[in-house]
Amino acid sequence: MAIQPTNEQLSVCQRFSAEAMAPDPAEKLGIAISTLQKLPLTAVRHQAVNGTCGWYIWGGEYSSDPDFYQPLHASHVLRYCPQILPYLALPPGWAVVLAPDYEDVWFDENRLAE
């Protein structure tokens, strides 16, 4: 059964002409919790694999450190990063960068192959 996106998520997907694919609350995503107070906030969605929804979320500069991300169920994003919730129904291949008075959202087909 497909998870129903929120009205706000549907609105974001419609604004960018993207099919809405809300993650299952039980699916995991990668989130760099210790960086979320830094700007900009970045979220990138890859293909879902092994019980993940494909989202990776971090603040500030990206790091390739293997401990950069912590696994978190999608249902807990509200607690740690509520500002990204409206974008979570964007399907794999989409990316988001947010900062005060700034929003950049785009599709990158290369993310589907990663």
PDB file of N, CA and C in Angstrom:
ATOM      1  N   MET A   1       0.838  -1.183   0.000  1.00  0.00           N
ATOM      2  CA  MET A   1       0.000   0.000   0.000  1.00  0.00           C
ATOM      3  C   MET A   1       0.884   1.249   0.000  1.00  0.00           C
ATOM      4  N   ALA A   2       0.582   2.190  -0.849  1.00  0.00           N
ATOM      5  CA  ALA A   2       1.362   3.425  -0.943  1.00  0.00           C
ATOM      6  C   ALA A   2       1.044   4.331   0.247  1.00  0.00           C
ATOM      7  N   ILE A   3       2.058   5.015   0.713  1.00  0.00           N
ATOM      8  CA  ILE A   3       1.889   5.976   1.800  1.00  0.00           C
ATOM      9  C   ILE A   3       1.354   7.273   1.195  1.00  0.00           C
ATOM     10  N   GLN A   4       0.358   7.846   1.811  1.00  0.00           N
ATOM     11  CA  GLN A   4      -0.221   9.080   1.301  1.00  0.00           C
ATOM     12  C   GLN A   4       0.592  10.288   1.756  1.00  0.00           C
ATOM     13  N   PRO A   5       1.056  11.090   0.802  1.00  0.00           N
ATOM     14  CA  PRO A   5       1.781  12.304   1.179  1.00  0.00           C
ATOM     15  C   PRO A   5       0.826  13.321   1.799  1.00  0.00           C
ATOM     16  N   THR A   6       1.377  14.224   2.580  1.00  0.00           N
ATOM     17  CA  THR A   6       0.572  15.299   3.162  1.00  0.00           C
ATOM     18  C   THR A   6       0.200  16.295   2.062  1.00  0.00           C
ATOM     19  N   ASN A   7      -0.746  17.147   2.339  1.00  0.00           N
ATOM     20  CA  ASN A   7      -1.127  18.181   1.372  1.00  0.00           C
ATOM     21  C   ASN A   7       0.058  19.088   1.054  1.00  0.00           C
ATOM     22  N   GLU A   8       0.851  19.405   2.064  1.00  0.00           N
ATOM     23  CA  GLU A   8       2.029  20.247   1.852  1.00  0.00           C
ATOM     24  C   GLU A   8       3.046  19.542   0.947  1.00  0.00           C
ATOM     25  N   GLN A   9       3.241  18.247   1.144  1.00  0.00           N
ATOM     26  CA  GLN A   9       4.143  17.480   0.297  1.00  0.00           C
ATOM     27  C   GLN A   9       3.617  17.401  -1.136  1.00  0.00           C
ATOM     28  N   LEU A  10       2.317  17.203  -1.289  1.00  0.00           N
ATOM     29  CA  LEU A  10       1.719  17.179  -2.619  1.00  0.00           C
ATOM     30  C   LEU A  10       1.918  18.514  -3.328  1.00  0.00           C
ATOM     31  N   SER A  11       1.758  19.592  -2.584  1.00  0.00           N
ATOM     32  CA  SER A  11       1.937  20.928  -3.151  1.00  0.00           C
ATOM     33  C   SER A  11       3.363  21.131  -3.653  1.00  0.00           C
ATOM     34  N   VAL A  12       4.347  20.685  -2.873  1.00  0.00           N
ATOM     35  CA  VAL A  12       5.752  20.800  -3.293  1.00  0.00           C
ATOM     36  C   VAL A  12       5.983  19.983  -4.557  1.00  0.00           C
ATOM     37  N   CYS A  13       5.500  18.761  -4.576  1.00  0.00           N
ATOM     38  CA  CYS A  13       5.689  17.906  -5.749  1.00  0.00           C
ATOM     39  C   CYS A  13       5.019  18.507  -6.982  1.00  0.00           C
ATOM     40  N   GLN A  14       3.831  19.047  -6.826  1.00  0.00           N
ATOM     41  CA  GLN A  14       3.150  19.680  -7.948  1.00  0.00           C
ATOM     42  C   GLN A  14       3.915  20.895  -8.446  1.00  0.00           C
ATOM     43  N   ARG A  15       4.462  21.676  -7.520  1.00  0.00           N
ATOM     44  CA  ARG A  15       5.213  22.876  -7.888  1.00  0.00           C
ATOM     45  C   ARG A  15       6.413  22.543  -8.768  1.00  0.00           C
ATOM     46  N   PHE A  16       7.013  21.363  -8.547  1.00  0.00           N
ATOM     47  CA  PHE A  16       8.187  20.960  -9.319  1.00  0.00           C
ATOM     48  C   PHE A  16       7.873  19.873 -10.356  1.00  0.00           C
ATOM     49  N   SER A  17       6.596  19.635 -10.596  1.00  0.00           N
ATOM     50  CA  SER A  17       6.154  18.631 -11.577  1.00  0.00           C
ATOM     51  C   SER A  17       6.792  17.263 -11.323  1.00  0.00           C
ATOM     52  N   ALA A  18       6.782  16.858 -10.061  1.00  0.00           N
ATOM     53  CA  ALA A  18       7.358  15.570  -9.664  1.00  0.00           C
ATOM     54  C   ALA A  18       6.256  14.663  -9.122  1.00  0.00           C
ATOM     55  N   GLU A  19       6.397  13.378  -9.380  1.00  0.00           N
ATOM     56  CA  GLU A  19       5.466  12.397  -8.830  1.00  0.00           C
ATOM     57  C   GLU A  19       5.708  12.285  -7.328  1.00  0.00           C
ATOM     58  N   ALA A  20       4.655  12.346  -6.544  1.00  0.00           N
ATOM     59  CA  ALA A  20       4.791  12.240  -5.090  1.00  0.00           C
ATOM     60  C   ALA A  20       5.056  10.800  -4.674  1.00  0.00           C
ATOM     61  N   MET A  21       6.120  10.596  -3.899  1.00  0.00           N
ATOM     62  CA  MET A  21       6.487   9.276  -3.379  1.00  0.00           C
ATOM     63  C   MET A  21       6.893   9.432  -1.913  1.00  0.00           C
ATOM     64  N   ALA A  22       5.917   9.568  -1.058  1.00  0.00           N
ATOM     65  CA  ALA A  22       6.205   9.745   0.370  1.00  0.00           C
ATOM     66  C   ALA A  22       6.859   8.491   0.938  1.00  0.00           C
ATOM     67  N   PRO A  23       7.873   8.667   1.784  1.00  0.00           N
ATOM     68  CA  PRO A  23       8.496   7.491   2.395  1.00  0.00           C
ATOM     69  C   PRO A  23       7.580   6.863   3.436  1.00  0.00           C
ATOM     70  N   ASP A  24       7.719   5.576   3.589  1.00  0.00           N
ATOM     71  CA  ASP A  24       7.023   4.868   4.658  1.00  0.00           C
ATOM     72  C   ASP A  24       7.661   5.325   5.974  1.00  0.00           C
ATOM     73  N   PRO A  25       6.869   5.642   6.996  1.00  0.00           N
ATOM     74  CA  PRO A  25       7.433   6.084   8.276  1.00  0.00           C
ATOM     75  C   PRO A  25       8.418   5.091   8.891  1.00  0.00           C
ATOM     76  N   ALA A  26       8.298   3.813   8.547  1.00  0.00           N
ATOM     77  CA  ALA A  26       9.196   2.791   9.090  1.00  0.00           C
ATOM     78  C   ALA A  26      10.504   2.686   8.312  1.00  0.00           C
ATOM     79  N   GLU A  27      10.569   3.279   7.126  1.00  0.00           N
ATOM     80  CA  GLU A  27      11.808   3.243   6.353  1.00  0.00           C
ATOM     81  C   GLU A  27      12.842   4.154   7.004  1.00  0.00           C
ATOM     82  N   LYS A  28      14.085   3.799   6.808  1.00  0.00           N
ATOM     83  CA  LYS A  28      15.160   4.598   7.390  1.00  0.00           C
ATOM     84  C   LYS A  28      15.734   5.557   6.359  1.00  0.00           C
ATOM     85  N   LEU A  29      16.315   6.625   6.873  1.00  0.00           N
ATOM     86  CA  LEU A  29      17.056   7.573   6.063  1.00  0.00           C
ATOM     87  C   LEU A  29      18.359   7.854   6.775  1.00  0.00           C
ATOM     88  N   GLY A  30      19.282   8.486   6.082  1.00  0.00           N
ATOM     89  CA  GLY A  30      20.550   8.871   6.698  1.00  0.00           C
ATOM     90  C   GLY A  30      20.478  10.339   7.057  1.00  0.00           C
ATOM     91  N   ILE A  31      20.803  10.672   8.310  1.00  0.00           N
ATOM     92  CA  ILE A  31      20.730  12.057   8.743  1.00  0.00           C
ATOM     93  C   ILE A  31      21.945  12.374   9.607  1.00  0.00           C
ATOM     94  N   ALA A  32      22.602  13.465   9.301  1.00  0.00           N
ATOM     95  CA  ALA A  32      23.774  13.897  10.064  1.00  0.00           C
ATOM     96  C   ALA A  32      23.271  14.820  11.180  1.00  0.00           C
ATOM     97  N   ILE A  33      22.791  14.214  12.250  1.00  0.00           N
ATOM     98  CA  ILE A  33      22.119  14.949  13.328  1.00  0.00           C
ATOM     99  C   ILE A  33      22.993  16.060  13.901  1.00  0.00           C
ATOM    100  N   SER A  34      24.268  15.810  14.075  1.00  0.00           N
ATOM    101  CA  SER A  34      25.142  16.810  14.703  1.00  0.00           C
ATOM    102  C   SER A  34      25.383  18.037  13.824  1.00  0.00           C
ATOM    103  N   THR A  35      24.965  17.993  12.554  1.00  0.00           N
ATOM    104  CA  THR A  35      25.205  19.114  11.645  1.00  0.00           C
ATOM    105  C   THR A  35      23.957  19.949  11.369  1.00  0.00           C
ATOM    106  N   LEU A  36      22.814  19.555  11.870  1.00  0.00           N
ATOM    107  CA  LEU A  36      21.552  20.164  11.461  1.00  0.00           C
ATOM    108  C   LEU A  36      21.398  21.627  11.860  1.00  0.00           C
ATOM    109  N   GLN A  37      22.238  22.129  12.759  1.00  0.00           N
ATOM    110  CA  GLN A  37      22.175  23.546  13.128  1.00  0.00           C
ATOM    111  C   GLN A  37      22.973  24.405  12.155  1.00  0.00           C
ATOM    112  N   LYS A  38      23.702  23.778  11.237  1.00  0.00           N
ATOM    113  CA  LYS A  38      24.520  24.503  10.265  1.00  0.00           C
ATOM    114  C   LYS A  38      23.734  24.758   8.985  1.00  0.00           C
ATOM    115  N   LEU A  39      24.160  25.762   8.234  1.00  0.00           N
ATOM    116  CA  LEU A  39      23.516  26.102   6.968  1.00  0.00           C
ATOM    117  C   LEU A  39      24.494  25.922   5.821  1.00  0.00           C
ATOM    118  N   PRO A  40      23.995  25.606   4.641  1.00  0.00           N
ATOM    119  CA  PRO A  40      22.601  25.342   4.323  1.00  0.00           C
ATOM    120  C   PRO A  40      22.201  23.933   4.740  1.00  0.00           C
ATOM    121  N   LEU A  41      20.909  23.684   4.741  1.00  0.00           N
ATOM    122  CA  LEU A  41      20.377  22.350   4.981  1.00  0.00           C
ATOM    123  C   LEU A  41      20.230  21.689   3.614  1.00  0.00           C
ATOM    124  N   THR A  42      20.794  20.495   3.474  1.00  0.00           N
ATOM    125  CA  THR A  42      20.764  19.785   2.195  1.00  0.00           C
ATOM    126  C   THR A  42      20.114  18.424   2.384  1.00  0.00           C
ATOM    127  N   ALA A  43      19.282  18.045   1.417  1.00  0.00           N
ATOM    128  CA  ALA A  43      18.652  16.727   1.416  1.00  0.00           C
ATOM    129  C   ALA A  43      18.703  16.190  -0.009  1.00  0.00           C
ATOM    130  N   VAL A  44      19.138  14.949  -0.141  1.00  0.00           N
ATOM    131  CA  VAL A  44      19.287  14.313  -1.449  1.00  0.00           C
ATOM    132  C   VAL A  44      18.633  12.939  -1.363  1.00  0.00           C
ATOM    133  N   ARG A  45      17.825  12.601  -2.382  1.00  0.00           N
ATOM    134  CA  ARG A  45      17.168  11.290  -2.370  1.00  0.00           C
ATOM    135  C   ARG A  45      17.729  10.401  -3.470  1.00  0.00           C
ATOM    136  N   HIS A  46      18.292   9.281  -3.027  1.00  0.00           N
ATOM    137  CA  HIS A  46      18.795   8.242  -3.925  1.00  0.00           C
ATOM    138  C   HIS A  46      17.726   7.153  -4.032  1.00  0.00           C
ATOM    139  N   GLN A  47      17.999   6.115  -4.779  1.00  0.00           N
ATOM    140  CA  GLN A  47      17.086   4.974  -4.858  1.00  0.00           C
ATOM    141  C   GLN A  47      16.981   4.309  -3.478  1.00  0.00           C
ATOM    142  N   ALA A  48      15.823   3.809  -3.160  1.00  0.00           N
ATOM    143  CA  ALA A  48      15.610   3.087  -1.908  1.00  0.00           C
ATOM    144  C   ALA A  48      16.255   1.703  -2.000  1.00  0.00           C
ATOM    145  N   VAL A  49      16.986   1.332  -0.947  1.00  0.00           N
ATOM    146  CA  VAL A  49      17.592   0.001  -0.867  1.00  0.00           C
ATOM    147  C   VAL A  49      17.543  -0.501   0.569  1.00  0.00           C
ATOM    148  N   ASN A  50      17.326  -1.793   0.723  1.00  0.00           N
ATOM    149  CA  ASN A  50      17.409  -2.463   2.034  1.00  0.00           C
ATOM    150  C   ASN A  50      16.670  -1.741   3.155  1.00  0.00           C
ATOM    151  N   GLY A  51      15.417  -1.378   2.941  1.00  0.00           N
ATOM    152  CA  GLY A  51      14.622  -0.770   4.005  1.00  0.00           C
ATOM    153  C   GLY A  51      14.854   0.711   4.217  1.00  0.00           C
ATOM    154  N   THR A  52      15.584   1.341   3.306  1.00  0.00           N
ATOM    155  CA  THR A  52      15.764   2.792   3.408  1.00  0.00           C
ATOM    156  C   THR A  52      14.816   3.462   2.418  1.00  0.00           C
ATOM    157  N   CYS A  53      14.583   4.749   2.606  1.00  0.00           N
ATOM    158  CA  CYS A  53      13.762   5.501   1.650  1.00  0.00           C
ATOM    159  C   CYS A  53      14.637   6.277   0.671  1.00  0.00           C
ATOM    160  N   GLY A  54      15.954   6.266   0.884  1.00  0.00           N
ATOM    161  CA  GLY A  54      16.873   6.911  -0.038  1.00  0.00           C
ATOM    162  C   GLY A  54      17.294   8.319   0.337  1.00  0.00           C
ATOM    163  N   TRP A  55      16.654   8.932   1.330  1.00  0.00           N
ATOM    164  CA  TRP A  55      16.999  10.310   1.710  1.00  0.00           C
ATOM    165  C   TRP A  55      18.253  10.359   2.582  1.00  0.00           C
ATOM    166  N   TYR A  56      19.087  11.366   2.289  1.00  0.00           N
ATOM    167  CA  TYR A  56      20.248  11.711   3.115  1.00  0.00           C
ATOM    168  C   TYR A  56      20.156  13.202   3.392  1.00  0.00           C
ATOM    169  N   ILE A  57      20.264  13.569   4.661  1.00  0.00           N
ATOM    170  CA  ILE A  57      20.037  14.948   5.089  1.00  0.00           C
ATOM    171  C   ILE A  57      21.210  15.403   5.952  1.00  0.00           C
ATOM    172  N   TRP A  58      21.715  16.619   5.680  1.00  0.00           N
ATOM    173  CA  TRP A  58      22.801  17.176   6.484  1.00  0.00           C
ATOM    174  C   TRP A  58      22.765  18.699   6.436  1.00  0.00           C
ATOM    175  N   GLY A  59      23.455  19.304   7.376  1.00  0.00           N
ATOM    176  CA  GLY A  59      23.601  20.755   7.400  1.00  0.00           C
ATOM    177  C   GLY A  59      25.055  21.119   7.168  1.00  0.00           C
ATOM    178  N   GLY A  60      25.284  22.286   6.567  1.00  0.00           N
ATOM    179  CA  GLY A  60      26.648  22.761   6.332  1.00  0.00           C
ATOM    180  C   GLY A  60      27.343  21.968   5.248  1.00  0.00           C
ATOM    181  N   GLU A  61      28.618  21.736   5.463  1.00  0.00           N
ATOM    182  CA  GLU A  61      29.447  21.032   4.478  1.00  0.00           C
ATOM    183  C   GLU A  61      29.246  19.521   4.555  1.00  0.00           C
ATOM    184  N   TYR A  62      29.228  18.882   3.395  1.00  0.00           N
ATOM    185  CA  TYR A  62      29.136  17.427   3.314  1.00  0.00           C
ATOM    186  C   TYR A  62      30.452  16.808   3.784  1.00  0.00           C
ATOM    187  N   SER A  63      30.371  15.634   4.376  1.00  0.00           N
ATOM    188  CA  SER A  63      31.556  14.888   4.782  1.00  0.00           C
ATOM    189  C   SER A  63      31.451  13.452   4.276  1.00  0.00           C
ATOM    190  N   SER A  64      32.564  12.909   3.845  1.00  0.00           N
ATOM    191  CA  SER A  64      32.584  11.506   3.420  1.00  0.00           C
ATOM    192  C   SER A  64      32.941  10.572   4.579  1.00  0.00           C
ATOM    193  N   ASP A  65      33.046  11.097   5.780  1.00  0.00           N
ATOM    194  CA  ASP A  65      33.329  10.297   6.969  1.00  0.00           C
ATOM    195  C   ASP A  65      32.258   9.214   7.097  1.00  0.00           C
ATOM    196  N   PRO A  66      32.650   7.945   7.296  1.00  0.00           N
ATOM    197  CA  PRO A  66      31.656   6.866   7.391  1.00  0.00           C
ATOM    198  C   PRO A  66      30.668   7.038   8.550  1.00  0.00           C
ATOM    199  N   ASP A  67      31.011   7.852   9.552  1.00  0.00           N
ATOM    200  CA  ASP A  67      30.102   8.076  10.681  1.00  0.00           C
ATOM    201  C   ASP A  67      29.314   9.375  10.556  1.00  0.00           C
ATOM    202  N   PHE A  68      29.354  10.000   9.372  1.00  0.00           N
ATOM    203  CA  PHE A  68      28.678  11.285   9.161  1.00  0.00           C
ATOM    204  C   PHE A  68      27.171  11.166   9.375  1.00  0.00           C
ATOM    205  N   TYR A  69      26.575  10.118   8.828  1.00  0.00           N
ATOM    206  CA  TYR A  69      25.128   9.916   8.930  1.00  0.00           C
ATOM    207  C   TYR A  69      24.780   8.930  10.030  1.00  0.00           C
ATOM    208  N   GLN A  70      23.601   9.138  10.628  1.00  0.00           N
ATOM    209  CA  GLN A  70      23.023   8.179  11.549  1.00  0.00           C
ATOM    210  C   GLN A  70      21.717   7.695  10.920  1.00  0.00           C
ATOM    211  N   PRO A  71      21.396   6.408  11.061  1.00  0.00           N
ATOM    212  CA  PRO A  71      20.118   5.925  10.538  1.00  0.00           C
ATOM    213  C   PRO A  71      18.977   6.391  11.438  1.00  0.00           C
ATOM    214  N   LEU A  72      17.894   6.783  10.812  1.00  0.00           N
ATOM    215  CA  LEU A  72      16.739   7.289  11.555  1.00  0.00           C
ATOM    216  C   LEU A  72      15.488   6.916  10.775  1.00  0.00           C
ATOM    217  N   HIS A  73      14.464   6.471  11.464  1.00  0.00           N
ATOM    218  CA  HIS A  73      13.201   6.192  10.779  1.00  0.00           C
ATOM    219  C   HIS A  73      12.610   7.507  10.265  1.00  0.00           C
ATOM    220  N   ALA A  74      12.013   7.453   9.095  1.00  0.00           N
ATOM    221  CA  ALA A  74      11.421   8.655   8.495  1.00  0.00           C
ATOM    222  C   ALA A  74      10.397   9.298   9.425  1.00  0.00           C
ATOM    223  N   SER A  75       9.760   8.513  10.249  1.00  0.00           N
ATOM    224  CA  SER A  75       8.750   9.056  11.167  1.00  0.00           C
ATOM    225  C   SER A  75       9.340  10.023  12.187  1.00  0.00           C
ATOM    226  N   HIS A  76      10.653  10.020  12.375  1.00  0.00           N
ATOM    227  CA  HIS A  76      11.289  10.882  13.370  1.00  0.00           C
ATOM    228  C   HIS A  76      11.861  12.172  12.789  1.00  0.00           C
ATOM    229  N   VAL A  77      11.708  12.389  11.490  1.00  0.00           N
ATOM    230  CA  VAL A  77      12.265  13.598  10.871  1.00  0.00           C
ATOM    231  C   VAL A  77      11.651  14.851  11.482  1.00  0.00           C
ATOM    232  N   LEU A  78      10.384  14.812  11.809  1.00  0.00           N
ATOM    233  CA  LEU A  78       9.730  15.975  12.406  1.00  0.00           C
ATOM    234  C   LEU A  78      10.486  16.478  13.632  1.00  0.00           C
ATOM    235  N   ARG A  79      10.973  15.570  14.446  1.00  0.00           N
ATOM    236  CA  ARG A  79      11.687  15.942  15.671  1.00  0.00           C
ATOM    237  C   ARG A  79      13.038  16.590  15.382  1.00  0.00           C
ATOM    238  N   TYR A  80      13.758  16.074  14.388  1.00  0.00           N
ATOM    239  CA  TYR A  80      15.122  16.519  14.145  1.00  0.00           C
ATOM    240  C   TYR A  80      15.249  17.585  13.058  1.00  0.00           C
ATOM    241  N   CYS A  81      14.359  17.545  12.083  1.00  0.00           N
ATOM    242  CA  CYS A  81      14.528  18.411  10.918  1.00  0.00           C
ATOM    243  C   CYS A  81      13.177  18.732  10.269  1.00  0.00           C
ATOM    244  N   PRO A  82      12.296  19.428  10.983  1.00  0.00           N
ATOM    245  CA  PRO A  82      10.943  19.653  10.470  1.00  0.00           C
ATOM    246  C   PRO A  82      10.900  20.455   9.165  1.00  0.00           C
ATOM    247  N   GLN A  83      11.902  21.277   8.918  1.00  0.00           N
ATOM    248  CA  GLN A  83      11.874  22.108   7.715  1.00  0.00           C
ATOM    249  C   GLN A  83      12.003  21.295   6.427  1.00  0.00           C
ATOM    250  N   ILE A  84      12.463  20.046   6.520  1.00  0.00           N
ATOM    251  CA  ILE A  84      12.599  19.224   5.316  1.00  0.00           C
ATOM    252  C   ILE A  84      11.329  18.405   5.029  1.00  0.00           C
ATOM    253  N   LEU A  85      10.422  18.317   5.978  1.00  0.00           N
ATOM    254  CA  LEU A  85       9.209  17.504   5.820  1.00  0.00           C
ATOM    255  C   LEU A  85       8.420  17.799   4.536  1.00  0.00           C
ATOM    256  N   PRO A  86       8.229  19.055   4.152  1.00  0.00           N
ATOM    257  CA  PRO A  86       7.437  19.299   2.934  1.00  0.00           C
ATOM    258  C   PRO A  86       8.047  18.691   1.674  1.00  0.00           C
ATOM    259  N   TYR A  87       9.337  18.402   1.685  1.00  0.00           N
ATOM    260  CA  TYR A  87      10.044  17.919   0.502  1.00  0.00           C
ATOM    261  C   TYR A  87      10.192  16.390   0.458  1.00  0.00           C
ATOM    262  N   LEU A  88       9.852  15.708   1.538  1.00  0.00           N
ATOM    263  CA  LEU A  88      10.136  14.275   1.641  1.00  0.00           C
ATOM    264  C   LEU A  88       9.384  13.395   0.648  1.00  0.00           C
ATOM    265  N   ALA A  89       8.349  13.900  -0.001  1.00  0.00           N
ATOM    266  CA  ALA A  89       7.635  13.084  -0.989  1.00  0.00           C
ATOM    267  C   ALA A  89       8.244  13.208  -2.387  1.00  0.00           C
ATOM    268  N   LEU A  90       9.255  14.073  -2.552  1.00  0.00           N
ATOM    269  CA  LEU A  90       9.939  14.131  -3.845  1.00  0.00           C
ATOM    270  C   LEU A  90      10.584  12.769  -4.089  1.00  0.00           C
ATOM    271  N   PRO A  91      10.496  12.244  -5.300  1.00  0.00           N
ATOM    272  CA  PRO A  91      11.003  10.891  -5.572  1.00  0.00           C
ATOM    273  C   PRO A  91      12.527  10.844  -5.701  1.00  0.00           C
ATOM    274  N   PRO A  92      13.086   9.642  -5.794  1.00  0.00           N
ATOM    275  CA  PRO A  92      14.526   9.506  -5.986  1.00  0.00           C
ATOM    276  C   PRO A  92      15.009  10.341  -7.175  1.00  0.00           C
ATOM    277  N   GLY A  93      16.192  10.918  -6.985  1.00  0.00           N
ATOM    278  CA  GLY A  93      16.789  11.774  -7.997  1.00  0.00           C
ATOM    279  C   GLY A  93      16.686  13.251  -7.657  1.00  0.00           C
ATOM    280  N   TRP A  94      15.875  13.593  -6.684  1.00  0.00           N
ATOM    281  CA  TRP A  94      15.666  14.996  -6.316  1.00  0.00           C
ATOM    282  C   TRP A  94      16.588  15.416  -5.181  1.00  0.00           C
ATOM    283  N   ALA A  95      16.894  16.697  -5.153  1.00  0.00           N
ATOM    284  CA  ALA A  95      17.738  17.279  -4.108  1.00  0.00           C
ATOM    285  C   ALA A  95      17.161  18.630  -3.709  1.00  0.00           C
ATOM    286  N   VAL A  96      17.446  19.014  -2.473  1.00  0.00           N
ATOM    287  CA  VAL A  96      16.920  20.250  -1.898  1.00  0.00           C
ATOM    288  C   VAL A  96      18.036  20.926  -1.113  1.00  0.00           C
ATOM    289  N   VAL A  97      18.161  22.240  -1.266  1.00  0.00           N
ATOM    290  CA  VAL A  97      19.058  23.035  -0.432  1.00  0.00           C
ATOM    291  C   VAL A  97      18.226  24.182   0.124  1.00  0.00           C
ATOM    292  N   LEU A  98      18.235  24.311   1.451  1.00  0.00           N
ATOM    293  CA  LEU A  98      17.462  25.347   2.132  1.00  0.00           C
ATOM    294  C   LEU A  98      18.356  26.199   3.030  1.00  0.00           C
ATOM    295  N   ALA A  99      18.067  27.487   3.059  1.00  0.00           N
ATOM    296  CA  ALA A  99      18.699  28.435   3.971  1.00  0.00           C
ATOM    297  C   ALA A  99      17.680  29.557   4.161  1.00  0.00           C
ATOM    298  N   PRO A 100      17.897  30.461   5.103  1.00  0.00           N
ATOM    299  CA  PRO A 100      16.938  31.557   5.267  1.00  0.00           C
ATOM    300  C   PRO A 100      16.729  32.310   3.940  1.00  0.00           C
ATOM    301  N   ASP A 101      15.490  32.466   3.545  1.00  0.00           N
ATOM    302  CA  ASP A 101      15.110  33.149   2.304  1.00  0.00           C
ATOM    303  C   ASP A 101      15.730  32.520   1.062  1.00  0.00           C
ATOM    304  N   TYR A 102      16.002  31.206   1.113  1.00  0.00           N
ATOM    305  CA  TYR A 102      16.616  30.524  -0.027  1.00  0.00           C
ATOM    306  C   TYR A 102      16.080  29.104  -0.135  1.00  0.00           C
ATOM    307  N   GLU A 103      15.726  28.712  -1.358  1.00  0.00           N
ATOM    308  CA  GLU A 103      15.280  27.359  -1.642  1.00  0.00           C
ATOM    309  C   GLU A 103      15.784  26.995  -3.037  1.00  0.00           C
ATOM    310  N   ASP A 104      16.463  25.868  -3.144  1.00  0.00           N
ATOM    311  CA  ASP A 104      16.875  25.346  -4.445  1.00  0.00           C
ATOM    312  C   ASP A 104      16.467  23.879  -4.477  1.00  0.00           C
ATOM    313  N   VAL A 105      15.674  23.518  -5.476  1.00  0.00           N
ATOM    314  CA  VAL A 105      15.169  22.146  -5.613  1.00  0.00           C
ATOM    315  C   VAL A 105      15.389  21.736  -7.062  1.00  0.00           C
ATOM    316  N   TRP A 106      16.010  20.568  -7.274  1.00  0.00           N
ATOM    317  CA  TRP A 106      16.287  20.136  -8.639  1.00  0.00           C
ATOM    318  C   TRP A 106      16.328  18.617  -8.734  1.00  0.00           C
ATOM    319  N   PHE A 107      16.179  18.147  -9.969  1.00  0.00           N
ATOM    320  CA  PHE A 107      16.258  16.723 -10.273  1.00  0.00           C
ATOM    321  C   PHE A 107      17.605  16.449 -10.947  1.00  0.00           C
ATOM    322  N   ASP A 108      18.263  15.378 -10.504  1.00  0.00           N
ATOM    323  CA  ASP A 108      19.546  14.966 -11.094  1.00  0.00           C
ATOM    324  C   ASP A 108      19.444  13.481 -11.420  1.00  0.00           C
ATOM    325  N   GLU A 109      19.290  13.182 -12.696  1.00  0.00           N
ATOM    326  CA  GLU A 109      19.134  11.800 -13.158  1.00  0.00           C
ATOM    327  C   GLU A 109      20.295  10.908 -12.725  1.00  0.00           C
ATOM    328  N   ASN A 110      21.485  11.476 -12.577  1.00  0.00           N
ATOM    329  CA  ASN A 110      22.657  10.688 -12.173  1.00  0.00           C
ATOM    330  C   ASN A 110      22.495  10.067 -10.788  1.00  0.00           C
ATOM    331  N   ARG A 111      21.673  10.667  -9.932  1.00  0.00           N
ATOM    332  CA  ARG A 111      21.448  10.109  -8.595  1.00  0.00           C
ATOM    333  C   ARG A 111      20.722   8.765  -8.654  1.00  0.00           C
ATOM    334  N   LEU A 112      20.017   8.532  -9.739  1.00  0.00           N
ATOM    335  CA  LEU A 112      19.283   7.266  -9.872  1.00  0.00           C
ATOM    336  C   LEU A 112      20.210   6.099 -10.116  1.00  0.00           C
ATOM    337  N   ALA A 113      21.411   6.362 -10.627  1.00  0.00           N
ATOM    338  CA  ALA A 113      22.371   5.310 -10.936  1.00  0.00           C
ATOM    339  C   ALA A 113      23.308   5.025  -9.769  1.00  0.00           C
ATOM    340  N   GLU A 114      23.296   5.873  -8.749  1.00  0.00           N
ATOM    341  CA  GLU A 114      24.230   5.720  -7.627  1.00  0.00           C
ATOM    342  C   GLU A 114      23.758   4.641  -6.666  1.00  0.00           C
TER     343      GLU A 114
END
